[in-house]
Amino acid sequence: NQQQDGDNRGKVTTQRLTLNNLQPGDNRKVVTCVATNSGLSQTQQDTITVVVEYGPRNIGVMCNPSDLSDLRVGGSLVCTCTADSNPAAQFSWTKDSTAGPLPAGAVVDSTAG
């Protein structure tokens, strides 16, 4: 704890909290500082919400129909990609592991969710 003179001849006390090795699970956690003056039985507090940025994880693709052997000429395949990320992940689709054009008739809906 550090102290210095404050307003009205009081004392300003400072204490520091360091959160090391933040993880995605720490995102949106609330941290509260509580200051107590035991001589007067008074308490004040202030809170912050921790925001941790992290890259995409838990990536998954689900398709309908799920049995890809059910695909027929003229039919449709609808696939949805999901990922946990902060800020939100951005997606792109490739065919045969190349960034070239998707098959003719492919429609990418960025609002699906």
C-alpha atoms as a PDB file:
ATOM      1  CA  ASN A   1       0.000   0.000   0.000  1.00  0.00           C
ATOM      2  CA  GLN A   2       1.157   3.532  -0.773  1.00  0.00           C
ATOM      3  CA  GLN A   3      -0.097   6.660   1.017  1.00  0.00           C
ATOM      4  CA  GLN A   4       0.045  10.352   0.260  1.00  0.00           C
ATOM      5  CA  ASP A   5      -1.725  13.432   1.537  1.00  0.00           C
ATOM      6  CA  GLY A   6      -5.205  13.861   0.115  1.00  0.00           C
ATOM      7  CA  ASP A   7      -7.947  16.469   0.149  1.00  0.00           C
ATOM      8  CA  ASN A   8      -9.047  17.842   3.504  1.00  0.00           C
ATOM      9  CA  ARG A   9      -5.885  16.502   5.203  1.00  0.00           C
ATOM     10  CA  GLY A  10      -6.953  12.894   4.666  1.00  0.00           C
ATOM     11  CA  LYS A  11      -4.798  10.127   3.261  1.00  0.00           C
ATOM     12  CA  VAL A  12      -4.960   8.739  -0.283  1.00  0.00           C
ATOM     13  CA  THR A  13      -4.073   5.043  -0.170  1.00  0.00           C
ATOM     14  CA  THR A  14      -3.184   3.069  -3.283  1.00  0.00           C
ATOM     15  CA  GLN A  15      -3.047  -0.682  -3.805  1.00  0.00           C
ATOM     16  CA  ARG A  16      -2.318  -2.392  -7.132  1.00  0.00           C
ATOM     17  CA  LEU A  17      -3.768  -5.654  -8.494  1.00  0.00           C
ATOM     18  CA  THR A  18      -2.001  -7.347 -11.417  1.00  0.00           C
ATOM     19  CA  LEU A  19      -3.783 -10.097 -13.358  1.00  0.00           C
ATOM     20  CA  ASN A  20      -1.162 -12.203 -15.141  1.00  0.00           C
ATOM     21  CA  ASN A  21      -1.580 -14.800 -17.903  1.00  0.00           C
ATOM     22  CA  LEU A  22      -5.098 -13.745 -18.917  1.00  0.00           C
ATOM     23  CA  GLN A  23      -7.028 -16.443 -20.788  1.00  0.00           C
ATOM     24  CA  PRO A  24     -10.186 -16.456 -22.945  1.00  0.00           C
ATOM     25  CA  GLY A  25     -12.128 -17.663 -19.903  1.00  0.00           C
ATOM     26  CA  ASP A  26     -11.247 -14.389 -18.141  1.00  0.00           C
ATOM     27  CA  ASN A  27     -13.144 -12.352 -20.757  1.00  0.00           C
ATOM     28  CA  ARG A  28     -16.128 -10.469 -19.281  1.00  0.00           C
ATOM     29  CA  LYS A  29     -15.098 -11.250 -15.678  1.00  0.00           C
ATOM     30  CA  VAL A  30     -15.922  -8.489 -13.217  1.00  0.00           C
ATOM     31  CA  VAL A  31     -13.187  -7.210 -10.904  1.00  0.00           C
ATOM     32  CA  THR A  32     -14.229  -5.175  -7.876  1.00  0.00           C
ATOM     33  CA  CYS A  33     -12.102  -2.993  -5.615  1.00  0.00           C
ATOM     34  CA  VAL A  34     -13.619  -2.434  -2.168  1.00  0.00           C
ATOM     35  CA  ALA A  35     -12.226   0.338   0.073  1.00  0.00           C
ATOM     36  CA  THR A  36     -13.182   0.221   3.736  1.00  0.00           C
ATOM     37  CA  ASN A  37     -12.632   2.695   6.548  1.00  0.00           C
ATOM     38  CA  SER A  38     -13.034   0.441   9.568  1.00  0.00           C
ATOM     39  CA  GLY A  39     -12.945   3.379  11.977  1.00  0.00           C
ATOM     40  CA  LEU A  40     -16.157   4.753  10.437  1.00  0.00           C
ATOM     41  CA  SER A  41     -17.619   1.446   9.222  1.00  0.00           C
ATOM     42  CA  GLN A  42     -17.883   2.882   5.702  1.00  0.00           C
ATOM     43  CA  THR A  43     -17.278   1.079   2.450  1.00  0.00           C
ATOM     44  CA  GLN A  44     -17.058   2.228  -1.199  1.00  0.00           C
ATOM     45  CA  GLN A  45     -16.431   0.094  -4.258  1.00  0.00           C
ATOM     46  CA  ASP A  46     -15.758   0.361  -7.976  1.00  0.00           C
ATOM     47  CA  THR A  47     -15.891  -2.350 -10.626  1.00  0.00           C
ATOM     48  CA  ILE A  48     -14.462  -2.970 -14.070  1.00  0.00           C
ATOM     49  CA  THR A  49     -15.214  -5.651 -16.650  1.00  0.00           C
ATOM     50  CA  VAL A  50     -12.137  -7.380 -18.072  1.00  0.00           C
ATOM     51  CA  VAL A  51     -12.022  -7.578 -21.873  1.00  0.00           C
ATOM     52  CA  VAL A  52      -9.611 -10.205 -23.226  1.00  0.00           C
ATOM     53  CA  GLU A  53      -9.005 -10.389 -26.970  1.00  0.00           C
ATOM     54  CA  TYR A  54      -8.251 -13.841 -28.368  1.00  0.00           C
ATOM     55  CA  GLY A  55      -8.097 -15.515 -31.748  1.00  0.00           C
ATOM     56  CA  PRO A  56     -10.502 -18.068 -33.174  1.00  0.00           C
ATOM     57  CA  ARG A  57     -10.894 -21.355 -31.311  1.00  0.00           C
ATOM     58  CA  ASN A  58     -13.459 -24.165 -31.185  1.00  0.00           C
ATOM     59  CA  ILE A  59     -13.909 -23.890 -34.958  1.00  0.00           C
ATOM     60  CA  GLY A  60     -16.574 -26.111 -36.464  1.00  0.00           C
ATOM     61  CA  VAL A  61     -18.348 -26.672 -39.765  1.00  0.00           C
ATOM     62  CA  MET A  62     -21.834 -28.180 -39.935  1.00  0.00           C
ATOM     63  CA  CYS A  63     -23.509 -29.011 -43.238  1.00  0.00           C
ATOM     64  CA  ASN A  64     -27.020 -29.860 -44.357  1.00  0.00           C
ATOM     65  CA  PRO A  65     -27.404 -32.527 -45.504  1.00  0.00           C
ATOM     66  CA  SER A  66     -24.931 -33.883 -42.947  1.00  0.00           C
ATOM     67  CA  ASP A  67     -24.454 -37.069 -44.972  1.00  0.00           C
ATOM     68  CA  LEU A  68     -22.410 -35.787 -47.899  1.00  0.00           C
ATOM     69  CA  SER A  69     -23.157 -38.976 -49.822  1.00  0.00           C
ATOM     70  CA  ASP A  70     -26.746 -37.665 -50.225  1.00  0.00           C
ATOM     71  CA  LEU A  71     -25.675 -34.887 -52.611  1.00  0.00           C
ATOM     72  CA  ARG A  72     -27.251 -34.966 -56.050  1.00  0.00           C
ATOM     73  CA  VAL A  73     -26.775 -32.969 -59.240  1.00  0.00           C
ATOM     74  CA  GLY A  74     -28.925 -29.837 -58.996  1.00  0.00           C
ATOM     75  CA  GLY A  75     -29.198 -30.149 -55.194  1.00  0.00           C
ATOM     76  CA  SER A  76     -27.857 -27.855 -52.495  1.00  0.00           C
ATOM     77  CA  LEU A  77     -25.354 -28.104 -49.673  1.00  0.00           C
ATOM     78  CA  VAL A  78     -25.601 -25.536 -46.865  1.00  0.00           C
ATOM     79  CA  CYS A  79     -22.602 -25.296 -44.523  1.00  0.00           C
ATOM     80  CA  THR A  80     -22.239 -23.125 -41.432  1.00  0.00           C
ATOM     81  CA  CYS A  81     -18.872 -22.286 -39.863  1.00  0.00           C
ATOM     82  CA  THR A  82     -18.691 -21.198 -36.221  1.00  0.00           C
ATOM     83  CA  ALA A  83     -15.773 -19.984 -34.098  1.00  0.00           C
ATOM     84  CA  ASP A  84     -15.316 -18.530 -30.619  1.00  0.00           C
ATOM     85  CA  SER A  85     -13.235 -15.336 -30.849  1.00  0.00           C
ATOM     86  CA  ASN A  86     -13.017 -11.827 -29.397  1.00  0.00           C
ATOM     87  CA  PRO A  87     -13.444  -9.689 -31.405  1.00  0.00           C
ATOM     88  CA  ALA A  88     -15.708 -11.767 -33.631  1.00  0.00           C
ATOM     89  CA  ALA A  89     -14.010 -13.960 -36.226  1.00  0.00           C
ATOM     90  CA  GLN A  90     -14.234 -13.256 -39.933  1.00  0.00           C
ATOM     91  CA  PHE A  91     -14.638 -16.193 -42.293  1.00  0.00           C
ATOM     92  CA  SER A  92     -13.573 -17.105 -45.780  1.00  0.00           C
ATOM     93  CA  TRP A  93     -14.279 -20.284 -47.708  1.00  0.00           C
ATOM     94  CA  THR A  94     -11.914 -22.196 -49.971  1.00  0.00           C
ATOM     95  CA  LYS A  95     -12.360 -25.146 -52.304  1.00  0.00           C
ATOM     96  CA  ASP A  96      -9.737 -27.888 -52.585  1.00  0.00           C
ATOM     97  CA  SER A  97      -7.447 -25.982 -50.136  1.00  0.00           C
ATOM     98  CA  THR A  98      -7.018 -23.038 -52.520  1.00  0.00           C
ATOM     99  CA  ALA A  99      -8.268 -19.503 -52.210  1.00  0.00           C
ATOM    100  CA  GLY A 100      -9.642 -19.598 -55.738  1.00  0.00           C
ATOM    101  CA  PRO A 101     -13.280 -19.108 -56.640  1.00  0.00           C
ATOM    102  CA  LEU A 102     -15.962 -21.242 -55.015  1.00  0.00           C
ATOM    103  CA  PRO A 103     -18.136 -23.433 -57.221  1.00  0.00           C
ATOM    104  CA  ALA A 104     -20.611 -21.694 -59.530  1.00  0.00           C
ATOM    105  CA  GLY A 105     -23.804 -20.829 -57.671  1.00  0.00           C
ATOM    106  CA  ALA A 106     -22.149 -20.594 -54.244  1.00  0.00           C
ATOM    107  CA  VAL A 107     -23.679 -17.931 -51.991  1.00  0.00           C
ATOM    108  CA  VAL A 108     -21.958 -16.748 -48.816  1.00  0.00           C
ATOM    109  CA  ASP A 109     -24.350 -15.304 -46.205  1.00  0.00           C
ATOM    110  CA  SER A 110     -22.375 -13.372 -43.594  1.00  0.00           C
ATOM    111  CA  THR A 111     -25.496 -12.743 -41.486  1.00  0.00           C
ATOM    112  CA  ALA A 112     -26.300 -16.426 -40.861  1.00  0.00           C
ATOM    113  CA  GLY A 113     -25.932 -17.399 -37.309  1.00  0.00           C
END
